[in-house]
Protein backbone atom coordinates (compact mmCIF):
# COMPACT_ATOMS: atom_id res chain seq x y z
CA MET A 1 153.75 145.92 78.09
CA GLN A 2 152.64 144.60 74.77
CA VAL A 3 153.73 141.04 74.37
CA GLY A 4 153.96 138.36 71.78
CA PHE A 5 155.61 134.87 71.48
CA LYS A 6 156.03 132.12 68.97
CA SER A 7 157.98 128.85 68.72
CA ASP A 8 158.29 126.77 65.57
CA LYS A 9 160.38 123.64 64.89
CA GLY A 10 161.78 125.12 61.63
CA LEU A 11 162.00 123.13 58.37
CA ARG A 12 164.92 120.71 59.07
CA ARG A 13 164.16 119.46 62.49
CA SER A 14 162.13 116.84 63.56
CA ASN A 15 161.01 118.01 66.78
CA ASN A 16 161.31 121.47 68.70
CA GLU A 17 164.08 121.61 71.45
CA ASP A 18 163.34 125.20 72.25
CA ALA A 19 160.76 126.20 74.85
CA CYS A 20 159.55 129.56 76.14
CA PHE A 21 157.42 130.91 79.18
CA VAL A 22 155.64 134.20 79.71
CA LEU A 23 154.76 135.30 83.14
CA LEU A 24 152.59 138.46 82.47
CA PRO A 25 151.67 139.38 85.96
CA ASP A 26 155.29 139.13 87.11
CA LYS A 27 156.81 140.69 83.92
CA VAL A 28 159.20 137.86 83.53
CA TYR A 29 159.91 136.28 80.15
CA VAL A 30 162.20 133.35 79.47
CA VAL A 31 163.63 131.49 76.32
CA ALA A 32 165.57 128.36 76.28
CA ASP A 33 167.27 126.05 73.46
CA GLY A 34 168.18 122.33 74.60
CA VAL A 35 170.87 120.39 73.57
CA GLY A 36 171.30 116.57 73.92
CA GLY A 37 170.52 113.28 72.06
CA GLY A 38 167.08 111.93 71.29
CA ASN A 39 164.41 114.07 73.31
CA ALA A 40 166.87 115.19 76.04
CA GLY A 41 167.24 118.54 74.55
CA GLU A 42 163.54 119.09 74.58
CA ILE A 43 163.15 118.05 78.09
CA ALA A 44 166.23 120.26 79.24
CA SER A 45 164.49 123.40 77.72
CA ARG A 46 161.22 122.62 79.02
CA THR A 47 162.54 121.72 82.46
CA ALA A 48 164.52 124.97 82.61
CA VAL A 49 161.48 127.34 81.75
CA ASN A 50 159.07 125.40 84.03
CA GLU A 51 161.55 125.53 87.06
CA ILE A 52 162.01 129.09 86.50
CA ALA A 53 158.25 129.73 86.13
CA ASN A 54 157.48 127.78 89.42
CA TYR A 55 160.09 129.69 91.28
CA VAL A 56 158.56 132.92 90.28
CA VAL A 57 155.21 131.66 91.36
CA ALA A 58 156.49 130.47 94.63
CA HIS A 59 158.66 133.45 95.34
CA PRO A 60 156.85 136.69 94.39
CA ILE A 61 159.28 138.91 92.39
CA SER A 62 157.04 141.90 93.14
CA GLN A 63 158.28 142.14 96.59
CA LEU A 64 161.96 143.15 95.47
CA ASN A 65 162.83 146.65 95.42
CA ASN A 66 166.46 147.01 94.27
CA LYS A 67 168.61 145.94 91.69
CA TYR A 68 170.84 143.77 93.81
CA ALA A 69 167.95 141.81 95.16
CA ILE A 70 166.58 141.32 91.71
CA VAL A 71 169.85 139.92 90.22
CA ASN A 72 170.18 137.62 93.32
CA TYR A 73 166.65 136.40 92.48
CA LEU A 74 167.50 135.78 88.79
CA GLN A 75 170.46 133.90 89.84
CA ASP A 76 168.51 131.73 92.39
CA CYS A 77 165.96 131.07 89.58
CA ILE A 78 168.67 129.79 87.31
CA ASP A 79 170.49 127.81 90.19
CA THR A 80 167.18 125.96 90.79
CA ALA A 81 166.91 125.13 87.05
CA ASN A 82 170.50 124.08 86.73
CA ASP A 83 170.20 121.91 89.59
CA LYS A 84 167.36 120.02 88.41
CA ILE A 85 168.55 119.53 84.80
CA TYR A 86 172.13 118.37 86.08
CA LYS A 87 170.63 115.85 88.45
CA MET A 88 168.30 114.70 85.62
CA ALA A 89 171.05 114.34 83.15
CA HIS A 90 173.19 112.20 85.84
CA THR A 91 170.24 109.98 86.94
CA TYR A 92 168.69 109.02 83.80
CA GLU A 93 171.03 107.27 81.05
CA GLU A 94 168.78 108.67 78.15
CA ASN A 95 169.14 112.35 79.66
CA SER A 96 173.02 111.92 79.68
CA GLY A 97 174.55 115.14 78.17
CA MET A 98 171.29 117.18 78.17
CA ALA A 99 171.53 120.71 78.74
CA THR A 100 170.15 124.04 77.70
CA THR A 101 170.67 127.83 77.02
CA ILE A 102 168.51 130.40 78.94
CA ALA A 103 167.67 133.94 78.33
CA VAL A 104 165.50 135.76 81.14
CA VAL A 105 164.11 139.19 81.11
CA HIS A 106 162.30 140.86 83.90
CA ILE A 107 160.98 144.36 83.62
CA ALA A 108 160.85 146.46 86.87
CA GLU A 109 161.57 149.88 88.32
CA HIS A 110 161.79 151.55 84.75
CA LYS A 111 164.54 148.82 83.98
CA ALA A 112 164.89 145.59 82.14
CA PHE A 113 167.08 143.11 83.89
CA ILE A 114 168.28 140.38 81.90
CA ALA A 115 170.32 137.03 82.59
CA ASN A 116 171.49 134.66 80.12
CA VAL A 117 173.51 131.38 79.62
CA GLY A 118 174.80 130.20 76.38
CA ASP A 119 173.71 131.72 73.05
CA SER A 120 170.05 132.62 73.17
CA ARG A 121 170.03 136.50 72.84
CA VAL A 122 168.21 139.45 74.04
CA TYR A 123 168.05 142.56 71.62
CA LEU A 124 166.89 145.89 72.12
CA MET A 125 165.28 148.08 69.23
CA ARG A 126 165.16 151.75 70.00
CA SER A 127 165.11 154.68 67.51
CA GLY A 128 165.51 152.58 64.59
CA LYS A 129 168.67 150.89 65.91
CA LEU A 130 168.88 147.08 66.80
CA VAL A 131 171.60 146.26 69.49
CA GLN A 132 172.40 142.94 70.98
CA LEU A 133 172.32 143.22 74.73
CA THR A 134 173.62 139.89 75.73
CA GLU A 135 177.01 138.11 74.83
CA ASP A 136 177.08 134.62 73.39
CA HIS A 137 178.78 131.98 75.36
CA THR A 138 180.26 130.08 72.32
CA TYR A 139 183.82 128.94 71.26
CA VAL A 140 183.73 131.31 68.31
CA ASN A 141 182.90 134.30 70.41
CA THR A 142 185.81 133.65 72.71
CA LEU A 143 187.71 133.58 69.68
CA VAL A 144 186.64 137.02 68.66
CA LYS A 145 187.24 138.43 71.89
CA ALA A 146 190.86 137.15 71.99
CA GLY A 147 191.37 138.89 68.54
CA ILE A 148 191.70 135.52 66.68
CA LEU A 149 188.33 135.86 64.55
CA SER A 150 186.81 138.85 63.13
CA GLN A 151 182.87 139.21 63.47
CA GLU A 152 182.76 138.20 59.76
CA GLU A 153 184.72 135.36 60.09
CA ALA A 154 182.86 134.17 63.08
CA ALA A 155 179.48 134.57 61.36
CA CYS A 156 180.34 131.85 58.88
CA ASP A 157 182.64 129.46 61.05
CA GLU A 158 181.28 125.98 61.15
CA ARG A 159 181.86 125.96 65.01
CA LYS A 160 179.81 129.10 65.80
CA ASN A 161 177.22 127.21 67.60
CA VAL A 162 179.47 125.23 69.88
CA ILE A 163 178.31 126.68 73.26
CA THR A 164 180.81 127.14 76.25
CA LYS A 165 178.19 127.53 78.96
CA ALA A 166 174.69 125.82 79.59
CA LEU A 167 172.21 124.98 82.23
CA GLY A 168 172.67 121.46 83.43
CA ALA A 169 176.40 121.19 81.94
CA ASP A 170 177.86 121.63 85.55
CA LYS A 171 176.93 121.57 89.01
CA THR A 172 177.06 125.47 89.23
CA VAL A 173 176.47 127.88 86.53
CA GLU A 174 177.51 131.66 86.30
CA PRO A 175 174.97 133.67 84.23
CA ASP A 176 175.70 137.16 82.44
CA PHE A 177 173.68 139.93 84.04
CA PHE A 178 172.77 143.24 82.08
CA GLN A 179 170.61 145.97 83.01
CA VAL A 180 169.05 148.78 80.80
CA GLU A 181 166.73 151.57 81.47
CA ILE A 182 163.50 151.37 79.28
CA ALA A 183 162.05 153.80 77.30
CA GLU A 184 158.56 154.13 75.61
CA ASP A 185 158.36 152.26 72.23
CA ASP A 186 161.53 150.21 73.27
CA VAL A 187 161.17 146.63 71.56
CA PHE A 188 162.96 143.70 73.32
CA ILE A 189 163.30 140.41 71.23
CA ILE A 190 164.29 137.31 73.19
CA CYS A 191 165.29 134.62 70.76
CA THR A 192 167.14 131.26 69.97
CA ASP A 193 169.91 131.08 67.26
CA GLY A 194 167.31 129.74 64.93
CA LEU A 195 166.19 133.40 64.46
CA TYR A 196 169.38 135.12 64.28
CA ASP A 197 171.47 132.63 62.32
CA GLU A 198 168.94 132.90 59.49
CA VAL A 199 167.64 136.27 59.48
CA PRO A 200 170.14 139.31 59.00
CA PRO A 201 169.82 142.24 61.54
CA GLU A 202 168.50 144.70 58.94
CA GLU A 203 165.63 142.43 58.12
CA ILE A 204 164.85 141.97 61.76
CA VAL A 205 164.90 146.05 62.01
CA GLN A 206 162.48 146.14 58.75
CA VAL A 207 159.87 144.08 60.57
CA LEU A 208 160.24 145.96 63.95
CA SER A 209 159.82 149.32 62.23
CA GLN A 210 156.25 148.29 60.95
CA GLU A 211 153.27 148.93 62.88
CA LEU A 212 152.65 145.53 63.94
CA SER A 213 151.31 143.80 67.13
CA MET A 214 154.10 141.96 69.19
CA SER A 215 152.18 138.82 68.06
CA GLU A 216 152.39 139.78 64.26
CA VAL A 217 156.23 140.65 64.82
CA CYS A 218 156.92 136.96 65.90
CA ALA A 219 154.76 135.35 63.44
CA GLN A 220 156.63 137.27 60.71
CA LEU A 221 160.14 136.82 61.99
CA VAL A 222 159.49 133.16 62.35
CA GLN A 223 158.35 133.22 58.84
CA MET A 224 161.30 134.81 57.55
CA ALA A 225 163.45 132.50 59.28
CA ASN A 226 161.94 129.61 57.56
CA VAL A 227 162.00 131.30 54.21
CA HIS A 228 165.89 131.87 54.77
CA GLY A 229 166.30 127.85 55.38
CA GLY A 230 164.63 127.21 58.73
CA HIS A 231 167.52 125.02 59.61
CA ASP A 232 166.97 125.26 63.34
CA ASN A 233 164.01 125.46 65.83
CA ILE A 234 162.91 129.34 66.09
CA THR A 235 161.70 130.74 69.39
CA ILE A 236 160.97 134.48 69.82
CA ILE A 237 159.34 136.51 72.68
CA SER A 238 158.89 140.33 71.81
CA LEU A 239 158.17 142.92 74.26
CA LYS A 240 157.09 146.59 73.41
CA VAL A 241 157.30 149.18 76.20
CA THR A 242 154.24 151.39 76.57
CA GLU A 243 153.62 154.64 78.02
CA GLU A 244 151.89 152.87 81.03
CA ASP A 245 155.03 151.07 81.92
CA ILE A 246 157.09 154.47 81.86
CA ASN A 247 154.28 156.05 84.24
CA GLU A 248 154.16 153.04 86.47
CA GLN A 249 155.26 153.96 90.15
């Protein structure tokens, strides 16, 4: 697996409320985008990725051997992080209202297992086509699914970043889960809205179509997001599936 990652505060924000974590031996990759006043969003996102990382270290994911066990494992990871953030938000006044999105990818058994809460996304680039694998938990996306807004109207709606689900917002959380078979040269992009709100899909495809390392991909996409305005923090993890990943037993 070729891996790259980069996080940048963008051009308009004074601090970075995004966070990411890469656990290379375990093939677990996490991106989070915090919300809340003051430093609360930053604390929430970092708590989320740290709690998930600690859980993975304490409970080796390599011991799991079927998709049901992996989904339950990812739910447990997210539950642990949700519980910690919820308690912090209700213990310390300065953390009141803090929460975070989360997107987690785990590669195993020739599959990508994905869990998400909020509007951080996972994309798959295969054969020149970019597909969004996750579904945003946002107010505007709810209106799109109900047929009230079109995709075009949703893209420019001022409420598009109002999330309907986040870690730490409630005592319990229900992530969405996705699973996809991997193929050689697949590229997965795990990112916060600071990327996709600024850079159109066709420009992301142009970058991913070049012969770049995954670190170069992340650096170029972050630069493009800033060129387009850099209105928000930008965090990206990029993963490229190699022949060795496909041949692993």
